[in-house]
Each structure stands twice: as structure tokens, then as C-alpha cells.
Amino acid sequence: MVSRLATDNKVVGTRQVKRALAGGKAEVVYIAEDADRKITQEIIQLCNEKQVEIVYVESMKKLGEFCKIEVSAASAALLK
């Protein structure tokens, strides 16, 4: 499922993921396990409210690599 981040329509970053969740556009949300809980807590809560699947990724660095970006990422979402 993580491989879809390289090819499918997605958003990367906390603000964009929150926006996608609020607008009902997120299909699956990816969260880095080493991301600061203060940053990811609201995303986790929104996912639970909207019944969106959460997939945890080993690290922010790995999540950035999966998204084909050159920086680390705390969260990303595949769009519907």
C-alpha cells in the first residue's frame, strides 16, 4: 500500500493532510512513527472521526522517500 505514494494522487505534510481530511478527500493517511505526537495527534483524531485508515511508516525519512520528495515528512495522504 505504501508503494501507491510514489504514483497516486497525494498530499504531503501536516497542513495539507488536515485540509484533505476536513474536506473528505483523504482515502488513506500515512503517519511517520517518529513524528512528534503534538503534530500527529490532531491528524489521528480527524482520521478516527472521519473513519479514514491510518498506516504507520517507520520514520519521517522513509515517508519522504516513499512520497518521492527530498525531505522528511510527518504525514501524507492518498486522495480519493
Protein backbone atom coordinates (compact mmCIF):
# COMPACT_ATOMS: atom_id res chain seq x y z
CA MET A 1 0.00 0.00 0.00
CA VAL A 2 2.90 2.38 0.72
CA SER A 3 4.06 1.99 -2.89
CA ARG A 4 0.96 3.92 -4.00
CA LEU A 5 2.52 7.07 -2.51
CA ALA A 6 5.01 7.17 -5.37
CA THR A 7 2.39 7.16 -8.12
CA ASP A 8 -1.10 8.02 -6.89
CA ASN A 9 -2.62 11.44 -6.25
CA LYS A 10 -1.49 12.53 -2.79
CA VAL A 11 -0.79 15.39 -0.42
CA VAL A 12 2.27 15.59 1.84
CA GLY A 13 2.64 17.49 5.07
CA THR A 14 0.55 18.12 8.15
CA ARG A 15 -1.39 21.15 6.88
CA GLN A 16 -2.29 19.55 3.57
CA VAL A 17 -3.30 16.26 5.22
CA LYS A 18 -5.55 18.11 7.71
CA ARG A 19 -7.13 20.04 4.83
CA ALA A 20 -7.75 16.83 2.85
CA LEU A 21 -9.31 15.16 5.90
CA ALA A 22 -11.54 18.13 6.68
CA GLY A 23 -12.73 18.20 3.07
CA GLY A 24 -13.42 14.46 2.97
CA LYS A 25 -10.81 13.94 0.26
CA ALA A 26 -8.40 11.59 2.08
CA GLU A 27 -8.63 7.86 1.38
CA VAL A 28 -5.67 6.65 3.48
CA VAL A 29 -3.38 8.63 5.80
CA TYR A 30 0.27 7.74 6.43
CA ILE A 31 1.96 8.86 9.64
CA ALA A 32 5.65 8.52 10.49
CA GLU A 33 6.17 6.68 13.78
CA ASP A 34 8.97 9.04 14.81
CA ALA A 35 6.95 12.22 14.15
CA ASP A 36 6.21 14.48 17.11
CA ARG A 37 2.91 13.42 18.72
CA LYS A 38 1.91 17.07 19.09
CA ILE A 39 1.95 17.28 15.31
CA THR A 40 0.21 14.00 14.53
CA GLN A 41 -2.34 13.88 17.36
CA GLU A 42 -4.87 16.10 15.55
CA ILE A 43 -4.48 14.09 12.34
CA ILE A 44 -5.09 10.83 14.21
CA GLN A 45 -8.21 12.33 15.83
CA LEU A 46 -9.54 13.54 12.44
CA CYS A 47 -8.90 10.11 10.91
CA ASN A 48 -10.87 8.46 13.70
CA GLU A 49 -13.75 10.92 13.30
CA LYS A 50 -13.83 10.54 9.51
CA GLN A 51 -13.16 6.78 9.65
CA VAL A 52 -10.06 7.09 7.46
CA GLU A 53 -7.49 4.30 7.58
CA ILE A 54 -4.13 5.15 9.18
CA VAL A 55 -0.93 3.42 8.06
CA TYR A 56 2.15 3.94 10.20
CA VAL A 57 5.52 4.23 8.48
CA GLU A 58 8.84 3.51 10.20
CA SER A 59 10.26 7.04 10.02
CA MET A 60 9.80 10.54 8.64
CA LYS A 61 12.76 9.96 6.34
CA LYS A 62 11.19 6.79 4.91
CA LEU A 63 7.84 8.52 4.43
CA GLY A 64 9.56 11.29 2.49
CA GLU A 65 11.30 8.69 0.32
CA PHE A 66 8.03 6.85 -0.33
CA CYS A 67 6.47 10.16 -1.42
CA LYS A 68 9.40 10.81 -3.79
CA ILE A 69 10.39 14.04 -2.05
CA GLU A 70 13.85 15.03 -0.88
CA VAL A 71 12.86 15.95 2.68
CA SER A 72 11.31 14.09 5.59
CA ALA A 73 7.56 14.07 6.11
CA ALA A 74 5.50 13.57 9.27
CA SER A 75 2.35 12.69 7.33
CA ALA A 76 0.90 12.12 3.88
CA ALA A 77 -2.48 11.14 2.47
CA LEU A 78 -3.70 9.38 -0.65
CA LEU A 79 -6.61 11.24 -2.17
CA LYS A 80 -9.88 9.68 -3.31
